[in-house]
Amino acid sequence: MKERRSYEDLSDEALFALFKEKDEVAFSVLYKRYARRVYSYCARVEQTREAAEDLFQAIMLTVFEKRTLFIGGSFEAWLFTIVHNYGLRTGRARQRAERSVDIETLSLSSVGSDESDVIMAGALASAIAQLPEDYREAFQLKYIDGYPYDEIASILQITPSLARMRVFRARKVLQEALTPFVKEL
């Protein structure tokens, strides 16, 4: 018990120096000092408890894996720089997801009778028609006909990696073209 008490009296920087040398007790003390604050931040950034827990684990894993990159200064500042950067990335990813169209779930066969579905179907058909021919062929074979990449490659007489690239690029072009329609609907 006496050894544990001496760890708790150490500064964050001293504990982290011990942790860098693989002292698990030092990491445990640091973890206890900062877990609540880091998790609180994660809970503010994320929309669900599960997502906040996942973000918290990703941050703590990063601290563990990147411990050798800490070259001095304030451990707390270094830690919360990591926390802040994860929060920014999470927010940006959520904004991109909200702004973009998920082409994989959008198909001509899933259109309903609702006016917005009809508008979206027309916009999708128009956007597909405007794709460069090689992108359009690959996209249609993948998402309209349902072929796997190996078969698309065989049909188009290209490599499977080129088939994937063409489908990927077609999806990007379609996402950019359809995002304004989604925002209006």
N, C-alpha and C. Protein backbone atom coordinates (compact mmCIF):
# COMPACT_ATOMS: atom_id res chain seq x y z
N MET A 1 0.82 -1.19 0.00
CA MET A 1 0.00 0.00 0.00
C MET A 1 0.86 1.25 0.00
N LYS A 2 1.96 1.20 0.68
CA LYS A 2 2.85 2.34 0.74
C LYS A 2 3.37 2.70 -0.66
N GLU A 3 3.68 1.67 -1.49
CA GLU A 3 4.18 1.92 -2.84
C GLU A 3 3.12 2.64 -3.68
N ARG A 4 1.87 2.24 -3.55
CA ARG A 4 0.76 2.85 -4.28
C ARG A 4 0.64 4.33 -3.91
N ARG A 5 0.76 4.62 -2.64
CA ARG A 5 0.64 6.01 -2.17
C ARG A 5 1.75 6.87 -2.77
N SER A 6 2.94 6.36 -2.89
CA SER A 6 4.02 7.14 -3.46
C SER A 6 3.78 7.44 -4.93
N TYR A 7 3.12 6.55 -5.67
CA TYR A 7 2.76 6.82 -7.05
C TYR A 7 1.77 7.97 -7.12
N GLU A 8 0.81 7.96 -6.24
CA GLU A 8 -0.23 9.00 -6.27
C GLU A 8 0.33 10.38 -5.94
N ASP A 9 1.44 10.44 -5.27
CA ASP A 9 2.07 11.72 -4.94
C ASP A 9 2.90 12.27 -6.09
N LEU A 10 3.18 11.47 -7.10
CA LEU A 10 4.00 11.90 -8.22
C LEU A 10 3.22 12.82 -9.16
N SER A 11 3.94 13.70 -9.83
CA SER A 11 3.31 14.57 -10.83
C SER A 11 2.90 13.73 -12.03
N ASP A 12 2.03 14.32 -12.85
CA ASP A 12 1.60 13.64 -14.07
C ASP A 12 2.80 13.30 -14.96
N GLU A 13 3.70 14.25 -15.08
CA GLU A 13 4.86 14.06 -15.95
C GLU A 13 5.77 12.95 -15.43
N ALA A 14 5.95 12.88 -14.10
CA ALA A 14 6.77 11.82 -13.51
C ALA A 14 6.10 10.46 -13.71
N LEU A 15 4.80 10.42 -13.53
CA LEU A 15 4.06 9.17 -13.76
C LEU A 15 4.17 8.74 -15.22
N PHE A 16 4.04 9.71 -16.13
CA PHE A 16 4.11 9.36 -17.54
C PHE A 16 5.50 8.87 -17.92
N ALA A 17 6.51 9.45 -17.33
CA ALA A 17 7.88 8.98 -17.58
C ALA A 17 8.02 7.52 -17.15
N LEU A 18 7.44 7.18 -16.01
CA LEU A 18 7.46 5.78 -15.56
C LEU A 18 6.65 4.89 -16.51
N PHE A 19 5.52 5.41 -16.93
CA PHE A 19 4.66 4.66 -17.85
C PHE A 19 5.36 4.39 -19.18
N LYS A 20 6.11 5.38 -19.66
CA LYS A 20 6.85 5.19 -20.91
C LYS A 20 7.84 4.03 -20.80
N GLU A 21 8.27 3.77 -19.58
CA GLU A 21 9.18 2.65 -19.33
C GLU A 21 8.41 1.39 -18.94
N LYS A 22 7.12 1.36 -19.31
CA LYS A 22 6.23 0.20 -19.16
C LYS A 22 5.82 -0.09 -17.72
N ASP A 23 5.70 0.93 -16.90
CA ASP A 23 5.22 0.78 -15.54
C ASP A 23 3.70 0.88 -15.56
N GLU A 24 3.02 -0.24 -15.41
CA GLU A 24 1.56 -0.29 -15.51
C GLU A 24 0.86 0.42 -14.36
N VAL A 25 1.46 0.41 -13.18
CA VAL A 25 0.86 1.09 -12.04
C VAL A 25 0.82 2.59 -12.30
N ALA A 26 1.87 3.13 -12.87
CA ALA A 26 1.91 4.56 -13.19
C ALA A 26 0.78 4.91 -14.17
N PHE A 27 0.58 4.07 -15.18
CA PHE A 27 -0.51 4.33 -16.13
C PHE A 27 -1.86 4.25 -15.44
N SER A 28 -2.01 3.31 -14.54
CA SER A 28 -3.27 3.16 -13.81
C SER A 28 -3.60 4.42 -13.01
N VAL A 29 -2.60 5.00 -12.38
CA VAL A 29 -2.81 6.22 -11.59
C VAL A 29 -3.20 7.37 -12.52
N LEU A 30 -2.50 7.51 -13.64
CA LEU A 30 -2.84 8.56 -14.61
C LEU A 30 -4.25 8.35 -15.16
N TYR A 31 -4.57 7.13 -15.45
CA TYR A 31 -5.90 6.79 -15.97
C TYR A 31 -6.97 7.25 -14.99
N LYS A 32 -6.79 6.93 -13.72
CA LYS A 32 -7.76 7.33 -12.70
C LYS A 32 -7.87 8.85 -12.59
N ARG A 33 -6.77 9.54 -12.76
CA ARG A 33 -6.78 11.01 -12.66
C ARG A 33 -7.58 11.66 -13.78
N TYR A 34 -7.52 11.09 -14.95
CA TYR A 34 -8.08 11.77 -16.12
C TYR A 34 -9.28 11.09 -16.77
N ALA A 35 -9.61 9.89 -16.39
CA ALA A 35 -10.68 9.14 -17.06
C ALA A 35 -12.01 9.90 -17.05
N ARG A 36 -12.39 10.44 -15.93
CA ARG A 36 -13.68 11.11 -15.82
C ARG A 36 -13.74 12.34 -16.73
N ARG A 37 -12.69 13.14 -16.75
CA ARG A 37 -12.68 14.35 -17.58
C ARG A 37 -12.67 14.00 -19.07
N VAL A 38 -11.87 13.00 -19.43
CA VAL A 38 -11.82 12.60 -20.84
C VAL A 38 -13.17 12.03 -21.26
N TYR A 39 -13.76 11.18 -20.41
CA TYR A 39 -15.06 10.61 -20.76
C TYR A 39 -16.13 11.69 -20.86
N SER A 40 -16.09 12.67 -19.98
CA SER A 40 -17.07 13.77 -20.03
C SER A 40 -16.99 14.49 -21.36
N TYR A 41 -15.79 14.72 -21.82
CA TYR A 41 -15.60 15.35 -23.12
C TYR A 41 -16.20 14.47 -24.22
N CYS A 42 -15.91 13.19 -24.18
CA CYS A 42 -16.42 12.25 -25.18
C CYS A 42 -17.94 12.24 -25.19
N ALA A 43 -18.55 12.30 -24.01
CA ALA A 43 -20.01 12.29 -23.91
C ALA A 43 -20.60 13.57 -24.51
N ARG A 44 -19.90 14.68 -24.42
CA ARG A 44 -20.39 15.93 -25.03
C ARG A 44 -20.27 15.89 -26.54
N VAL A 45 -19.23 15.23 -27.04
CA VAL A 45 -18.98 15.18 -28.49
C VAL A 45 -19.89 14.18 -29.18
N GLU A 46 -20.10 13.04 -28.56
CA GLU A 46 -20.86 11.96 -29.19
C GLU A 46 -22.34 12.02 -28.83
N GLN A 47 -23.16 11.40 -29.65
CA GLN A 47 -24.61 11.46 -29.46
C GLN A 47 -25.15 10.30 -28.61
N THR A 48 -24.41 9.21 -28.53
CA THR A 48 -24.87 8.06 -27.75
C THR A 48 -23.81 7.65 -26.74
N ARG A 49 -24.25 6.94 -25.72
CA ARG A 49 -23.32 6.46 -24.69
C ARG A 49 -22.30 5.50 -25.29
N GLU A 50 -22.77 4.62 -26.18
CA GLU A 50 -21.88 3.65 -26.81
C GLU A 50 -20.80 4.35 -27.65
N ALA A 51 -21.21 5.37 -28.39
CA ALA A 51 -20.25 6.11 -29.21
C ALA A 51 -19.24 6.85 -28.33
N ALA A 52 -19.71 7.40 -27.21
CA ALA A 52 -18.81 8.09 -26.27
C ALA A 52 -17.81 7.10 -25.68
N GLU A 53 -18.27 5.91 -25.34
CA GLU A 53 -17.36 4.88 -24.81
C GLU A 53 -16.33 4.46 -25.85
N ASP A 54 -16.77 4.32 -27.09
CA ASP A 54 -15.85 3.95 -28.17
C ASP A 54 -14.79 5.04 -28.37
N LEU A 55 -15.22 6.29 -28.35
CA LEU A 55 -14.30 7.41 -28.51
C LEU A 55 -13.31 7.44 -27.35
N PHE A 56 -13.81 7.23 -26.15
CA PHE A 56 -12.95 7.21 -24.96
C PHE A 56 -11.88 6.13 -25.09
N GLN A 57 -12.29 4.94 -25.51
CA GLN A 57 -11.34 3.84 -25.67
C GLN A 57 -10.32 4.15 -26.76
N ALA A 58 -10.76 4.76 -27.85
CA ALA A 58 -9.83 5.12 -28.93
C ALA A 58 -8.80 6.12 -28.44
N ILE A 59 -9.24 7.08 -27.65
CA ILE A 59 -8.31 8.08 -27.11
C ILE A 59 -7.31 7.43 -26.17
N MET A 60 -7.78 6.61 -25.25
CA MET A 60 -6.87 5.98 -24.29
C MET A 60 -5.89 5.04 -24.99
N LEU A 61 -6.35 4.36 -26.02
CA LEU A 61 -5.47 3.50 -26.80
C LEU A 61 -4.40 4.33 -27.51
N THR A 62 -4.79 5.48 -28.02
CA THR A 62 -3.83 6.36 -28.67
C THR A 62 -2.78 6.85 -27.68
N VAL A 63 -3.22 7.22 -26.49
CA VAL A 63 -2.28 7.65 -25.45
C VAL A 63 -1.28 6.52 -25.18
N PHE A 64 -1.80 5.31 -25.07
CA PHE A 64 -0.94 4.15 -24.80
C PHE A 64 0.04 3.93 -25.95
N GLU A 65 -0.49 3.93 -27.17
CA GLU A 65 0.36 3.62 -28.33
C GLU A 65 1.35 4.74 -28.67
N LYS A 66 0.98 5.98 -28.40
CA LYS A 66 1.82 7.12 -28.78
C LYS A 66 2.65 7.66 -27.61
N ARG A 67 2.73 6.89 -26.54
CA ARG A 67 3.43 7.37 -25.34
C ARG A 67 4.88 7.77 -25.61
N THR A 68 5.51 7.14 -26.58
CA THR A 68 6.91 7.48 -26.86
C THR A 68 7.05 8.82 -27.56
N LEU A 69 5.95 9.36 -28.10
CA LEU A 69 5.99 10.64 -28.79
C LEU A 69 5.94 11.83 -27.84
N PHE A 70 5.56 11.58 -26.59
CA PHE A 70 5.53 12.66 -25.60
C PHE A 70 6.96 13.00 -25.23
N ILE A 71 7.36 14.23 -25.55
CA ILE A 71 8.77 14.59 -25.33
C ILE A 71 8.97 15.56 -24.18
N GLY A 72 7.96 15.74 -23.40
CA GLY A 72 8.09 16.63 -22.25
C GLY A 72 7.04 17.71 -22.27
N GLY A 73 7.10 18.56 -21.27
CA GLY A 73 6.08 19.59 -21.13
C GLY A 73 4.95 19.07 -20.27
N SER A 74 3.79 19.61 -20.48
CA SER A 74 2.63 19.26 -19.67
C SER A 74 1.94 18.01 -20.23
N PHE A 75 1.86 16.99 -19.40
CA PHE A 75 1.15 15.78 -19.82
C PHE A 75 -0.31 16.10 -20.07
N GLU A 76 -0.91 16.89 -19.22
CA GLU A 76 -2.33 17.23 -19.34
C GLU A 76 -2.60 17.93 -20.68
N ALA A 77 -1.73 18.86 -21.06
CA ALA A 77 -1.90 19.55 -22.34
C ALA A 77 -1.77 18.58 -23.51
N TRP A 78 -0.81 17.68 -23.43
CA TRP A 78 -0.62 16.67 -24.48
C TRP A 78 -1.85 15.78 -24.59
N LEU A 79 -2.34 15.31 -23.45
CA LEU A 79 -3.52 14.44 -23.41
C LEU A 79 -4.72 15.14 -24.02
N PHE A 80 -4.98 16.37 -23.60
CA PHE A 80 -6.18 17.05 -24.09
C PHE A 80 -6.02 17.55 -25.52
N THR A 81 -4.82 17.63 -26.03
CA THR A 81 -4.63 17.87 -27.46
C THR A 81 -5.13 16.66 -28.23
N ILE A 82 -4.79 15.49 -27.75
CA ILE A 82 -5.27 14.24 -28.38
C ILE A 82 -6.79 14.18 -28.30
N VAL A 83 -7.33 14.47 -27.13
CA VAL A 83 -8.78 14.44 -26.92
C VAL A 83 -9.46 15.42 -27.88
N HIS A 84 -8.95 16.62 -27.94
CA HIS A 84 -9.53 17.65 -28.79
C HIS A 84 -9.48 17.25 -30.27
N ASN A 85 -8.35 16.72 -30.71
CA ASN A 85 -8.22 16.30 -32.11
C ASN A 85 -9.19 15.18 -32.46
N TYR A 86 -9.38 14.23 -31.55
CA TYR A 86 -10.36 13.18 -31.80
C TYR A 86 -11.76 13.76 -31.89
N GLY A 87 -12.05 14.71 -31.01
CA GLY A 87 -13.36 15.35 -31.04
C GLY A 87 -13.61 16.08 -32.35
N LEU A 88 -12.60 16.79 -32.84
CA LEU A 88 -12.73 17.48 -34.13
C LEU A 88 -12.96 16.50 -35.26
N ARG A 89 -12.18 15.41 -35.27
CA ARG A 89 -12.34 14.41 -36.33
C ARG A 89 -13.73 13.79 -36.29
N THR A 90 -14.22 13.50 -35.10
CA THR A 90 -15.54 12.89 -34.95
C THR A 90 -16.62 13.85 -35.46
N GLY A 91 -16.50 15.12 -35.10
CA GLY A 91 -17.48 16.11 -35.54
C GLY A 91 -17.46 16.30 -37.04
N ARG A 92 -16.27 16.36 -37.62
CA ARG A 92 -16.16 16.52 -39.07
C ARG A 92 -16.73 15.31 -39.80
N ALA A 93 -16.44 14.13 -39.29
CA ALA A 93 -16.96 12.91 -39.92
C ALA A 93 -18.48 12.90 -39.87
N ARG A 94 -19.05 13.31 -38.76
CA ARG A 94 -20.51 13.34 -38.63
C ARG A 94 -21.10 14.36 -39.60
N GLN A 95 -20.47 15.53 -39.72
CA GLN A 95 -20.97 16.55 -40.65
C GLN A 95 -20.91 16.07 -42.09
N ARG A 96 -19.81 15.41 -42.46
CA ARG A 96 -19.70 14.88 -43.82
C ARG A 96 -20.78 13.83 -44.07
N ALA A 97 -21.02 12.98 -43.10
CA ALA A 97 -22.03 11.94 -43.26
C ALA A 97 -23.42 12.54 -43.40
N GLU A 98 -23.69 13.60 -42.65
CA GLU A 98 -25.01 14.24 -42.72
C GLU A 98 -25.20 14.97 -44.04
N ARG A 99 -24.11 15.50 -44.61
CA ARG A 99 -24.21 16.27 -45.85
C ARG A 99 -24.21 15.40 -47.10
N SER A 100 -23.64 14.21 -47.02
CA SER A 100 -23.47 13.43 -48.23
C SER A 100 -24.59 12.41 -48.42
N VAL A 101 -24.64 11.89 -49.60
CA VAL A 101 -25.64 10.90 -49.98
C VAL A 101 -24.99 9.53 -49.90
N ASP A 102 -25.68 8.57 -49.33
CA ASP A 102 -25.17 7.21 -49.29
C ASP A 102 -25.63 6.50 -50.56
N ILE A 103 -24.78 6.49 -51.55
CA ILE A 103 -25.13 5.93 -52.86
C ILE A 103 -25.46 4.44 -52.76
N GLU A 104 -24.79 3.74 -51.86
CA GLU A 104 -25.03 2.29 -51.77
C GLU A 104 -26.47 1.98 -51.37
N THR A 105 -27.09 2.81 -50.55
CA THR A 105 -28.46 2.52 -50.12
C THR A 105 -29.49 3.16 -51.04
N LEU A 106 -29.02 3.98 -51.94
CA LEU A 106 -29.92 4.66 -52.86
C LEU A 106 -29.89 3.92 -54.19
N SER A 107 -31.01 3.38 -54.60
CA SER A 107 -31.05 2.71 -55.91
C SER A 107 -32.40 2.97 -56.57
N LEU A 108 -32.43 2.83 -57.85
CA LEU A 108 -33.66 3.07 -58.59
C LEU A 108 -34.77 2.13 -58.18
N SER A 109 -34.44 0.92 -57.77
CA SER A 109 -35.46 -0.05 -57.42
C SER A 109 -36.08 0.21 -56.06
N SER A 110 -35.47 1.08 -55.23
CA SER A 110 -36.01 1.31 -53.89
C SER A 110 -36.84 2.58 -53.81
N VAL A 111 -37.17 3.15 -54.96
CA VAL A 111 -37.92 4.39 -54.97
C VAL A 111 -39.38 4.12 -54.68
N GLY A 112 -39.95 4.93 -53.78
CA GLY A 112 -41.36 4.81 -53.43
C GLY A 112 -42.19 5.76 -54.27
N SER A 113 -43.44 5.96 -53.87
CA SER A 113 -44.32 6.84 -54.62
C SER A 113 -44.32 8.25 -54.08
N ASP A 114 -43.67 8.48 -53.00
CA ASP A 114 -43.55 9.80 -52.38
C ASP A 114 -42.86 10.76 -53.34
N GLU A 115 -43.28 12.03 -53.36
CA GLU A 115 -42.74 13.01 -54.30
C GLU A 115 -41.22 13.15 -54.19
N SER A 116 -40.69 13.15 -52.97
CA SER A 116 -39.24 13.29 -52.80
C SER A 116 -38.50 12.08 -53.37
N ASP A 117 -39.11 10.89 -53.29
CA ASP A 117 -38.49 9.70 -53.88
C ASP A 117 -38.44 9.80 -55.40
N VAL A 118 -39.49 10.33 -55.98
CA VAL A 118 -39.55 10.48 -57.44
C VAL A 118 -38.51 11.51 -57.89
N ILE A 119 -38.38 12.61 -57.15
CA ILE A 119 -37.39 13.63 -57.49
C ILE A 119 -35.98 13.05 -57.38
N MET A 120 -35.74 12.31 -56.30
CA MET A 120 -34.42 11.72 -56.09
C MET A 120 -34.11 10.68 -57.16
N ALA A 121 -35.11 9.89 -57.56
CA ALA A 121 -34.89 8.89 -58.61
C ALA A 121 -34.51 9.56 -59.92
N GLY A 122 -35.18 10.66 -60.23
CA GLY A 122 -34.86 11.39 -61.45
C GLY A 122 -33.46 11.98 -61.40
N ALA A 123 -33.11 12.54 -60.25
CA ALA A 123 -31.77 13.11 -60.08
C ALA A 123 -30.71 12.03 -60.18
N LEU A 124 -30.97 10.87 -59.58
CA LEU A 124 -30.02 9.76 -59.64
C LEU A 124 -29.84 9.27 -61.07
N ALA A 125 -30.94 9.07 -61.77
CA ALA A 125 -30.87 8.59 -63.15
C ALA A 125 -30.10 9.59 -64.02
N SER A 126 -30.37 10.87 -63.82
CA SER A 126 -29.67 11.90 -64.57
C SER A 126 -28.18 11.92 -64.25
N ALA A 127 -27.85 11.81 -62.97
CA ALA A 127 -26.44 11.83 -62.55
C ALA A 127 -25.70 10.61 -63.10
N ILE A 128 -26.34 9.45 -63.06
CA ILE A 128 -25.72 8.23 -63.60
C ILE A 128 -25.47 8.40 -65.10
N ALA A 129 -26.44 8.95 -65.81
CA ALA A 129 -26.31 9.15 -67.26
C ALA A 129 -25.16 10.10 -67.61
N GLN A 130 -24.83 11.02 -66.70
CA GLN A 130 -23.77 11.99 -66.96
C GLN A 130 -22.38 11.50 -66.55
N LEU A 131 -22.31 10.33 -65.93
CA LEU A 131 -21.00 9.78 -65.55
C LEU A 131 -20.19 9.44 -66.81
N PRO A 132 -18.87 9.54 -66.75
CA PRO A 132 -18.06 9.03 -67.86
C PRO A 132 -18.41 7.56 -68.11
N GLU A 133 -18.34 7.13 -69.33
CA GLU A 133 -18.82 5.80 -69.70
C GLU A 133 -18.18 4.68 -68.87
N ASP A 134 -16.87 4.73 -68.65
CA ASP A 134 -16.23 3.65 -67.89
C ASP A 134 -16.70 3.62 -66.44
N TYR A 135 -16.95 4.78 -65.83
CA TYR A 135 -17.48 4.82 -64.47
C TYR A 135 -18.92 4.31 -64.44
N ARG A 136 -19.72 4.77 -65.44
CA ARG A 136 -21.13 4.40 -65.48
C ARG A 136 -21.30 2.88 -65.63
N GLU A 137 -20.51 2.28 -66.52
CA GLU A 137 -20.61 0.83 -66.71
C GLU A 137 -20.29 0.08 -65.43
N ALA A 138 -19.21 0.46 -64.79
CA ALA A 138 -18.80 -0.23 -63.56
C ALA A 138 -19.84 -0.02 -62.46
N PHE A 139 -20.33 1.21 -62.33
CA PHE A 139 -21.33 1.51 -61.30
C PHE A 139 -22.61 0.71 -61.52
N GLN A 140 -23.10 0.69 -62.75
CA GLN A 140 -24.33 -0.04 -63.05
C GLN A 140 -24.17 -1.54 -62.81
N LEU A 141 -23.03 -2.09 -63.20
CA LEU A 141 -22.79 -3.51 -62.97
C LEU A 141 -22.77 -3.83 -61.47
N LYS A 142 -22.23 -2.92 -60.67
CA LYS A 142 -22.12 -3.15 -59.22
C LYS A 142 -23.46 -2.92 -58.52
N TYR A 143 -24.07 -1.76 -58.70
CA TYR A 143 -25.22 -1.39 -57.88
C TYR A 143 -26.58 -1.63 -58.51
N ILE A 144 -26.64 -1.73 -59.80
CA ILE A 144 -27.93 -2.00 -60.42
C ILE A 144 -28.06 -3.48 -60.75
N ASP A 145 -26.97 -4.07 -61.30
CA ASP A 145 -27.01 -5.49 -61.65
C ASP A 145 -26.54 -6.39 -60.52
N GLY A 146 -25.81 -5.84 -59.56
CA GLY A 146 -25.41 -6.61 -58.38
C GLY A 146 -24.22 -7.53 -58.56
N TYR A 147 -23.36 -7.28 -59.54
CA TYR A 147 -22.21 -8.13 -59.76
C TYR A 147 -21.09 -7.84 -58.74
N PRO A 148 -20.35 -8.87 -58.34
CA PRO A 148 -19.16 -8.64 -57.50
C PRO A 148 -18.04 -8.07 -58.37
N TYR A 149 -17.03 -7.51 -57.72
CA TYR A 149 -15.94 -6.85 -58.45
C TYR A 149 -15.21 -7.78 -59.42
N ASP A 150 -15.01 -9.04 -59.04
CA ASP A 150 -14.32 -9.97 -59.93
C ASP A 150 -15.07 -10.14 -61.25
N GLU A 151 -16.40 -10.25 -61.16
CA GLU A 151 -17.19 -10.41 -62.37
C GLU A 151 -17.25 -9.12 -63.18
N ILE A 152 -17.30 -7.98 -62.50
CA ILE A 152 -17.26 -6.70 -63.20
C ILE A 152 -15.97 -6.59 -64.00
N ALA A 153 -14.87 -6.98 -63.35
CA ALA A 153 -13.57 -6.94 -64.03
C ALA A 153 -13.56 -7.83 -65.25
N SER A 154 -14.13 -9.00 -65.12
CA SER A 154 -14.18 -9.94 -66.25
C SER A 154 -15.03 -9.39 -67.39
N ILE A 155 -16.20 -8.84 -67.04
CA ILE A 155 -17.10 -8.31 -68.06
C ILE A 155 -16.46 -7.14 -68.81
N LEU A 156 -15.80 -6.25 -68.04
CA LEU A 156 -15.22 -5.05 -68.65
C LEU A 156 -13.80 -5.28 -69.15
N GLN A 157 -13.28 -6.48 -68.91
CA GLN A 157 -11.91 -6.86 -69.30
C GLN A 157 -10.88 -5.89 -68.71
N ILE A 158 -11.01 -5.72 -67.38
CA ILE A 158 -10.07 -4.89 -66.62
C ILE A 158 -9.69 -5.66 -65.36
N THR A 159 -8.77 -5.15 -64.58
CA THR A 159 -8.39 -5.82 -63.34
C THR A 159 -9.44 -5.54 -62.26
N PRO A 160 -9.55 -6.43 -61.26
CA PRO A 160 -10.49 -6.17 -60.16
C PRO A 160 -10.20 -4.86 -59.43
N SER A 161 -8.93 -4.51 -59.27
CA SER A 161 -8.62 -3.25 -58.58
C SER A 161 -9.08 -2.05 -59.40
N LEU A 162 -8.98 -2.12 -60.71
CA LEU A 162 -9.47 -1.03 -61.55
C LEU A 162 -11.00 -0.97 -61.49
N ALA A 163 -11.65 -2.12 -61.41
CA ALA A 163 -13.12 -2.14 -61.26
C ALA A 163 -13.52 -1.44 -59.97
N ARG A 164 -12.83 -1.75 -58.87
CA ARG A 164 -13.12 -1.10 -57.58
C ARG A 164 -12.91 0.41 -57.68
N MET A 165 -11.82 0.80 -58.32
CA MET A 165 -11.50 2.22 -58.44
C MET A 165 -12.57 2.95 -59.24
N ARG A 166 -13.03 2.35 -60.33
CA ARG A 166 -14.06 3.00 -61.15
C ARG A 166 -15.38 3.14 -60.38
N VAL A 167 -15.75 2.11 -59.64
CA VAL A 167 -16.97 2.18 -58.85
C VAL A 167 -16.82 3.24 -57.75
N PHE A 168 -15.68 3.26 -57.10
CA PHE A 168 -15.42 4.24 -56.06
C PHE A 168 -15.53 5.66 -56.61
N ARG A 169 -14.88 5.90 -57.74
CA ARG A 169 -14.91 7.24 -58.33
C ARG A 169 -16.32 7.61 -58.81
N ALA A 170 -17.04 6.65 -59.33
CA ALA A 170 -18.42 6.91 -59.75
C ALA A 170 -19.27 7.32 -58.54
N ARG A 171 -19.09 6.61 -57.43
CA ARG A 171 -19.84 6.94 -56.21
C ARG A 171 -19.51 8.36 -55.74
N LYS A 172 -18.23 8.73 -55.79
CA LYS A 172 -17.83 10.08 -55.37
C LYS A 172 -18.49 11.13 -56.25
N VAL A 173 -18.47 10.92 -57.55
CA VAL A 173 -19.08 11.88 -58.47
C VAL A 173 -20.58 11.98 -58.20
N LEU A 174 -21.22 10.83 -58.00
CA LEU A 174 -22.66 10.83 -57.73
C LEU A 174 -22.99 11.49 -56.40
N GLN A 175 -22.18 11.25 -55.39
CA GLN A 175 -22.41 11.90 -54.10
C GLN A 175 -22.36 13.40 -54.23
N GLU A 176 -21.37 13.90 -54.95
CA GLU A 176 -21.25 15.35 -55.14
C GLU A 176 -22.43 15.90 -55.93
N ALA A 177 -22.86 15.15 -56.92
CA ALA A 177 -23.96 15.61 -57.76
C ALA A 177 -25.30 15.58 -57.03
N LEU A 178 -25.50 14.61 -56.15
CA LEU A 178 -26.80 14.43 -55.51
C LEU A 178 -26.94 15.14 -54.16
N THR A 179 -25.86 15.55 -53.57
CA THR A 179 -25.93 16.20 -52.26
C THR A 179 -26.83 17.43 -52.27
N PRO A 180 -26.80 18.29 -53.28
CA PRO A 180 -27.73 19.44 -53.28
C PRO A 180 -29.19 19.03 -53.28
N PHE A 181 -29.52 17.92 -53.95
CA PHE A 181 -30.91 17.45 -53.95
C PHE A 181 -31.34 16.98 -52.58
N VAL A 182 -30.44 16.30 -51.89
CA VAL A 182 -30.75 15.80 -50.55
C VAL A 182 -30.99 16.97 -49.60
N LYS A 183 -30.17 18.00 -49.72
CA LYS A 183 -30.32 19.18 -48.85
C LYS A 183 -31.67 19.86 -49.07
N GLU A 184 -32.12 19.90 -50.32
CA GLU A 184 -33.40 20.53 -50.63
C GLU A 184 -34.58 19.71 -50.14
N LEU A 185 -34.43 18.38 -50.16
CA LEU A 185 -35.54 17.52 -49.75
C LEU A 185 -35.59 17.48 -48.25
